[in-house]
C-alpha atoms as a PDB file:
ATOM      1  CA  PHE A   1     112.386 237.983  50.387  1.00  0.00           C
ATOM      2  CA  VAL A   2     115.678 238.671  52.145  1.00  0.00           C
ATOM      3  CA  PHE A   3     116.168 242.017  50.464  1.00  0.00           C
ATOM      4  CA  ARG A   4     112.597 243.261  50.566  1.00  0.00           C
ATOM      5  CA  LYS A   5     111.315 241.830  53.834  1.00  0.00           C
ATOM      6  CA  LEU A   6     114.487 241.843  55.908  1.00  0.00           C
ATOM      7  CA  ALA A   7     116.831 244.485  54.488  1.00  0.00           C
ATOM      8  CA  PHE A   8     114.233 247.067  53.476  1.00  0.00           C
ATOM      9  CA  GLN A   9     112.293 246.659  56.710  1.00  0.00           C
ATOM     10  CA  THR A  10     115.528 247.119  58.663  1.00  0.00           C
ATOM     11  CA  VAL A  11     116.269 250.314  56.768  1.00  0.00           C
ATOM     12  CA  LYS A  12     112.754 251.557  57.499  1.00  0.00           C
ATOM     13  CA  TYR A  13     113.125 250.641  61.175  1.00  0.00           C
ATOM     14  CA  PHE A  14     116.103 252.979  61.495  1.00  0.00           C
ATOM     15  CA  LYS A  15     114.053 255.785  59.896  1.00  0.00           C
ATOM     16  CA  ILE A  16     116.459 256.178  56.979  1.00  0.00           C
ATOM     17  CA  PRO A  17     114.903 258.319  54.212  1.00  0.00           C
ATOM     18  CA  ARG A  18     112.988 256.223  51.704  1.00  0.00           C
ATOM     19  CA  ILE A  19     115.170 256.923  48.656  1.00  0.00           C
ATOM     20  CA  VAL A  20     118.361 256.277  50.634  1.00  0.00           C
ATOM     21  CA  GLY A  21     116.887 252.985  51.844  1.00  0.00           C
ATOM     22  CA  VAL A  22     116.003 251.945  48.305  1.00  0.00           C
ATOM     23  CA  VAL A  23     119.550 252.685  47.129  1.00  0.00           C
ATOM     24  CA  ILE A  24     121.119 250.845  50.101  1.00  0.00           C
ATOM     25  CA  VAL A  25     119.032 247.735  49.444  1.00  0.00           C
ATOM     26  CA  ALA A  26     119.763 247.916  45.697  1.00  0.00           C
ATOM     27  CA  LEU A  27     123.497 248.173  46.349  1.00  0.00           C
ATOM     28  CA  PHE A  28     123.384 245.231  48.755  1.00  0.00           C
ATOM     29  CA  PHE A  29     121.380 243.145  46.248  1.00  0.00           C
ATOM     30  CA  ALA A  30     123.792 243.946  43.406  1.00  0.00           C
ATOM     31  CA  LEU A  31     126.897 243.244  45.474  1.00  0.00           C
ATOM     32  CA  ILE A  32     125.560 239.894  46.697  1.00  0.00           C
ATOM     33  CA  HIS A  33     124.807 238.872  43.110  1.00  0.00           C
ATOM     34  CA  CYS A  34     128.275 239.939  41.928  1.00  0.00           C
ATOM     35  CA  THR A  35     130.446 238.286  44.583  1.00  0.00           C
ATOM     36  CA  THR A  36     132.422 236.303  42.009  1.00  0.00           C
ATOM     37  CA  GLU A  37     132.997 239.249  39.686  1.00  0.00           C
ATOM     38  CA  ASP A  38     136.410 240.783  39.050  1.00  0.00           C
ATOM     39  CA  PHE A  39     135.690 244.497  39.184  1.00  0.00           C
ATOM     40  CA  THR A  40     138.811 245.310  37.189  1.00  0.00           C
ATOM     41  CA  GLN A  41     136.821 244.230  34.119  1.00  0.00           C
ATOM     42  CA  ILE A  42     134.202 246.453  32.482  1.00  0.00           C
ATOM     43  CA  SER A  43     131.888 243.447  32.079  1.00  0.00           C
ATOM     44  CA  SER A  44     131.762 243.061  35.861  1.00  0.00           C
ATOM     45  CA  TRP A  45     130.583 246.637  36.221  1.00  0.00           C
ATOM     46  CA  MET A  46     127.923 245.972  33.581  1.00  0.00           C
ATOM     47  CA  PHE A  47     126.619 242.999  35.588  1.00  0.00           C
ATOM     48  CA  PHE A  48     126.632 245.150  38.712  1.00  0.00           C
ATOM     49  CA  LEU A  49     124.638 247.904  36.968  1.00  0.00           C
ATOM     50  CA  GLN A  50     122.117 245.370  35.684  1.00  0.00           C
ATOM     51  CA  TYR A  51     121.532 243.936  39.153  1.00  0.00           C
ATOM     52  CA  PHE A  52     121.484 247.384  40.730  1.00  0.00           C
ATOM     53  CA  THR A  53     118.880 248.637  38.249  1.00  0.00           C
ATOM     54  CA  LEU A  54     116.771 245.508  38.665  1.00  0.00           C
ATOM     55  CA  SER A  55     116.854 245.888  42.426  1.00  0.00           C
ATOM     56  CA  LEU A  56     115.876 249.558  42.216  1.00  0.00           C
ATOM     57  CA  ILE A  57     112.836 248.565  40.146  1.00  0.00           C
ATOM     58  CA  ILE A  58     111.913 245.686  42.444  1.00  0.00           C
ATOM     59  CA  THR A  59     112.348 247.693  45.654  1.00  0.00           C
ATOM     60  CA  ILE A  60     110.441 250.704  44.333  1.00  0.00           C
ATOM     61  CA  THR A  61     107.654 248.360  43.237  1.00  0.00           C
ATOM     62  CA  TYR A  62     107.621 246.834  46.710  1.00  0.00           C
ATOM     63  CA  GLU A  63     107.377 250.277  48.277  1.00  0.00           C
ATOM     64  CA  ILE A  64     104.672 251.733  46.003  1.00  0.00           C
ATOM     65  CA  THR A  65     102.485 248.603  46.214  1.00  0.00           C
ATOM     66  CA  ASP A  66     102.250 248.925  50.007  1.00  0.00           C
ATOM     67  CA  GLU A  67     104.933 246.284  50.540  1.00  0.00           C
ATOM     68  CA  ASN A  68     103.282 243.679  48.351  1.00  0.00           C
ATOM     69  CA  ILE A  69     105.969 241.001  48.190  1.00  0.00           C
ATOM     70  CA  PHE A  70     104.164 239.201  45.382  1.00  0.00           C
ATOM     71  CA  ALA A  71     104.373 242.158  42.970  1.00  0.00           C
ATOM     72  CA  SER A  72     108.104 242.564  43.507  1.00  0.00           C
ATOM     73  CA  SER A  73     108.661 238.792  43.365  1.00  0.00           C
ATOM     74  CA  LEU A  74     106.793 238.609  40.059  1.00  0.00           C
ATOM     75  CA  ILE A  75     109.181 241.159  38.533  1.00  0.00           C
ATOM     76  CA  HIS A  76     112.146 239.132  39.774  1.00  0.00           C
ATOM     77  CA  VAL A  77     110.722 235.882  38.357  1.00  0.00           C
ATOM     78  CA  LEU A  78     109.936 237.500  35.005  1.00  0.00           C
ATOM     79  CA  ASN A  79     113.497 238.837  34.841  1.00  0.00           C
ATOM     80  CA  ASN A  80     114.890 235.343  35.536  1.00  0.00           C
ATOM     81  CA  ILE A  81     112.648 233.783  32.891  1.00  0.00           C
ATOM     82  CA  LEU A  82     113.742 236.414  30.365  1.00  0.00           C
ATOM     83  CA  GLY A  83     117.351 235.589  31.219  1.00  0.00           C
ATOM     84  CA  LEU A  84     116.713 231.906  30.500  1.00  0.00           C
ATOM     85  CA  PHE A  85     115.341 232.675  27.052  1.00  0.00           C
ATOM     86  CA  LEU A  86     118.160 235.068  26.168  1.00  0.00           C
ATOM     87  CA  ALA A  87     120.976 232.824  27.402  1.00  0.00           C
END
């Protein structure tokens, strides 16, 4: 909710182009999720790319579904469930 409702709406408020806004929110999401990573390791960059890609998908879904927070939240939940089964 923080990234879609707050961050993306803030980006839209400042009239930043849509694709730039999506990338900004995705970067913010990925960085927040990788705060404990040591970016001198390739594995840290892999985690970052995974979170960045996930956030791109979630944010684009949010945008194309007329800001339906439930659609984007469902993708996030399904990703977390998949992570539980693969861990």
